[in-house]
Amino acid sequence: MCDSPATSLAACAADDCIRLFLRRHAKRQWCSTRCGDRARVARHYARLRAAE
């Protein structure tokens, strides 16, 4: 595997995930769509609770 400047090792941004992934796009934050979905849903419910 060749290391290119566009690929870097990153930690998943989900709170309860400990996985690392190869970031091939600068905006990628999560190791999988499952982690991304859980993080977005948690953020949504946190906003709803804060609005109450």
N, C-alpha and C. Protein backbone atom coordinates (compact mmCIF):
# COMPACT_ATOMS: atom_id res chain seq x y z
N MET A 1 0.85 -1.18 0.00
CA MET A 1 0.00 0.00 0.00
C MET A 1 0.89 1.23 0.00
N CYS A 2 0.57 2.15 -0.83
CA CYS A 2 1.39 3.35 -0.90
C CYS A 2 0.73 4.47 -0.11
N ASP A 3 1.53 5.19 0.64
CA ASP A 3 1.01 6.31 1.42
C ASP A 3 0.94 7.54 0.54
N SER A 4 -0.24 8.07 0.42
CA SER A 4 -0.39 9.32 -0.33
C SER A 4 -0.76 10.41 0.65
N PRO A 5 -0.54 11.66 0.30
CA PRO A 5 -0.89 12.75 1.21
C PRO A 5 -2.39 12.81 1.51
N ALA A 6 -3.22 12.25 0.64
CA ALA A 6 -4.67 12.31 0.83
C ALA A 6 -5.17 11.24 1.78
N THR A 7 -4.32 10.30 2.19
CA THR A 7 -4.73 9.22 3.07
C THR A 7 -4.01 9.35 4.41
N SER A 8 -4.78 9.34 5.48
CA SER A 8 -4.17 9.42 6.80
C SER A 8 -4.98 8.57 7.78
N LEU A 9 -4.34 8.15 8.84
CA LEU A 9 -4.98 7.37 9.88
C LEU A 9 -5.69 8.32 10.84
N ALA A 10 -6.97 8.02 11.14
CA ALA A 10 -7.75 8.89 12.02
C ALA A 10 -8.59 8.05 12.97
N ALA A 11 -8.94 8.62 14.10
CA ALA A 11 -9.82 7.98 15.06
C ALA A 11 -11.26 8.35 14.74
N CYS A 12 -12.16 7.42 14.96
CA CYS A 12 -13.58 7.66 14.73
C CYS A 12 -14.06 8.75 15.69
N ALA A 13 -14.91 9.65 15.20
CA ALA A 13 -15.40 10.77 16.00
C ALA A 13 -16.60 10.41 16.88
N ALA A 14 -17.12 9.20 16.74
CA ALA A 14 -18.24 8.78 17.58
C ALA A 14 -17.75 8.61 19.02
N ASP A 15 -18.58 9.01 19.99
CA ASP A 15 -18.18 8.99 21.39
C ASP A 15 -17.83 7.60 21.90
N ASP A 16 -18.59 6.59 21.51
CA ASP A 16 -18.39 5.26 22.07
C ASP A 16 -17.61 4.31 21.15
N CYS A 17 -16.98 4.83 20.12
CA CYS A 17 -16.22 4.00 19.17
C CYS A 17 -14.72 4.20 19.39
N ILE A 18 -13.98 3.10 19.34
CA ILE A 18 -12.53 3.17 19.55
C ILE A 18 -11.77 2.80 18.27
N ARG A 19 -12.46 2.68 17.17
CA ARG A 19 -11.83 2.24 15.92
C ARG A 19 -11.02 3.35 15.25
N LEU A 20 -10.04 2.90 14.49
CA LEU A 20 -9.26 3.79 13.62
C LEU A 20 -9.62 3.46 12.19
N PHE A 21 -9.50 4.43 11.31
CA PHE A 21 -9.80 4.19 9.90
C PHE A 21 -8.87 5.03 9.03
N LEU A 22 -8.78 4.66 7.76
CA LEU A 22 -7.98 5.44 6.82
C LEU A 22 -8.85 6.54 6.25
N ARG A 23 -8.48 7.75 6.51
CA ARG A 23 -9.25 8.89 6.03
C ARG A 23 -8.79 9.19 4.60
N ARG A 24 -9.68 8.94 3.66
CA ARG A 24 -9.37 9.19 2.25
C ARG A 24 -10.00 10.48 1.76
N HIS A 25 -10.84 11.06 2.59
CA HIS A 25 -11.47 12.34 2.26
C HIS A 25 -11.37 13.22 3.50
N ALA A 26 -11.09 14.47 3.31
CA ALA A 26 -10.82 15.39 4.43
C ALA A 26 -12.02 15.54 5.37
N LYS A 27 -13.23 15.40 4.87
CA LYS A 27 -14.41 15.61 5.71
C LYS A 27 -14.89 14.35 6.41
N ARG A 28 -14.31 13.21 6.13
CA ARG A 28 -14.74 11.97 6.77
C ARG A 28 -14.40 12.00 8.25
N GLN A 29 -15.39 11.66 9.09
CA GLN A 29 -15.21 11.71 10.53
C GLN A 29 -15.38 10.36 11.21
N TRP A 30 -16.15 9.45 10.59
CA TRP A 30 -16.52 8.21 11.25
C TRP A 30 -15.95 7.01 10.49
N CYS A 31 -15.77 5.92 11.23
CA CYS A 31 -15.20 4.71 10.63
C CYS A 31 -16.20 4.00 9.73
N SER A 32 -17.48 4.19 9.98
CA SER A 32 -18.52 3.53 9.18
C SER A 32 -19.77 4.41 9.15
N THR A 33 -20.67 4.08 8.26
CA THR A 33 -21.93 4.83 8.21
C THR A 33 -22.74 4.56 9.47
N ARG A 34 -22.59 3.39 10.05
CA ARG A 34 -23.30 3.07 11.29
C ARG A 34 -22.91 4.03 12.42
N CYS A 35 -21.61 4.27 12.58
CA CYS A 35 -21.14 5.21 13.61
C CYS A 35 -21.62 6.63 13.30
N GLY A 36 -21.57 7.01 12.05
CA GLY A 36 -22.04 8.33 11.65
C GLY A 36 -23.52 8.52 11.94
N ASP A 37 -24.31 7.51 11.63
CA ASP A 37 -25.75 7.58 11.89
C ASP A 37 -26.03 7.71 13.39
N ARG A 38 -25.34 6.91 14.20
CA ARG A 38 -25.55 6.98 15.65
C ARG A 38 -25.15 8.35 16.20
N ALA A 39 -24.05 8.90 15.71
CA ALA A 39 -23.58 10.20 16.19
C ALA A 39 -24.57 11.31 15.80
N ARG A 40 -25.07 11.26 14.57
CA ARG A 40 -26.04 12.28 14.13
C ARG A 40 -27.34 12.19 14.90
N VAL A 41 -27.82 10.97 15.16
CA VAL A 41 -29.06 10.80 15.93
C VAL A 41 -28.86 11.29 17.36
N ALA A 42 -27.73 10.97 17.97
CA ALA A 42 -27.46 11.44 19.33
C ALA A 42 -27.41 12.96 19.37
N ARG A 43 -26.79 13.58 18.37
CA ARG A 43 -26.72 15.04 18.31
C ARG A 43 -28.12 15.64 18.16
N HIS A 44 -28.96 15.00 17.35
CA HIS A 44 -30.33 15.47 17.15
C HIS A 44 -31.13 15.42 18.45
N TYR A 45 -31.07 14.29 19.16
CA TYR A 45 -31.81 14.17 20.41
C TYR A 45 -31.27 15.11 21.47
N ALA A 46 -29.98 15.37 21.47
CA ALA A 46 -29.40 16.32 22.43
C ALA A 46 -29.96 17.72 22.17
N ARG A 47 -30.10 18.09 20.89
CA ARG A 47 -30.67 19.41 20.57
C ARG A 47 -32.14 19.48 21.00
N LEU A 48 -32.88 18.39 20.82
CA LEU A 48 -34.29 18.37 21.24
C LEU A 48 -34.41 18.53 22.75
N ARG A 49 -33.57 17.82 23.49
CA ARG A 49 -33.61 17.92 24.96
C ARG A 49 -33.20 19.31 25.44
N ALA A 50 -32.27 19.94 24.76
CA ALA A 50 -31.82 21.27 25.15
C ALA A 50 -32.90 22.32 24.87
N ALA A 51 -33.73 22.09 23.85
CA ALA A 51 -34.77 23.04 23.50
C ALA A 51 -35.95 22.98 24.47
N GLU A 52 -36.08 21.89 25.19
CA GLU A 52 -37.23 21.76 26.11
C GLU A 52 -37.04 22.56 27.37
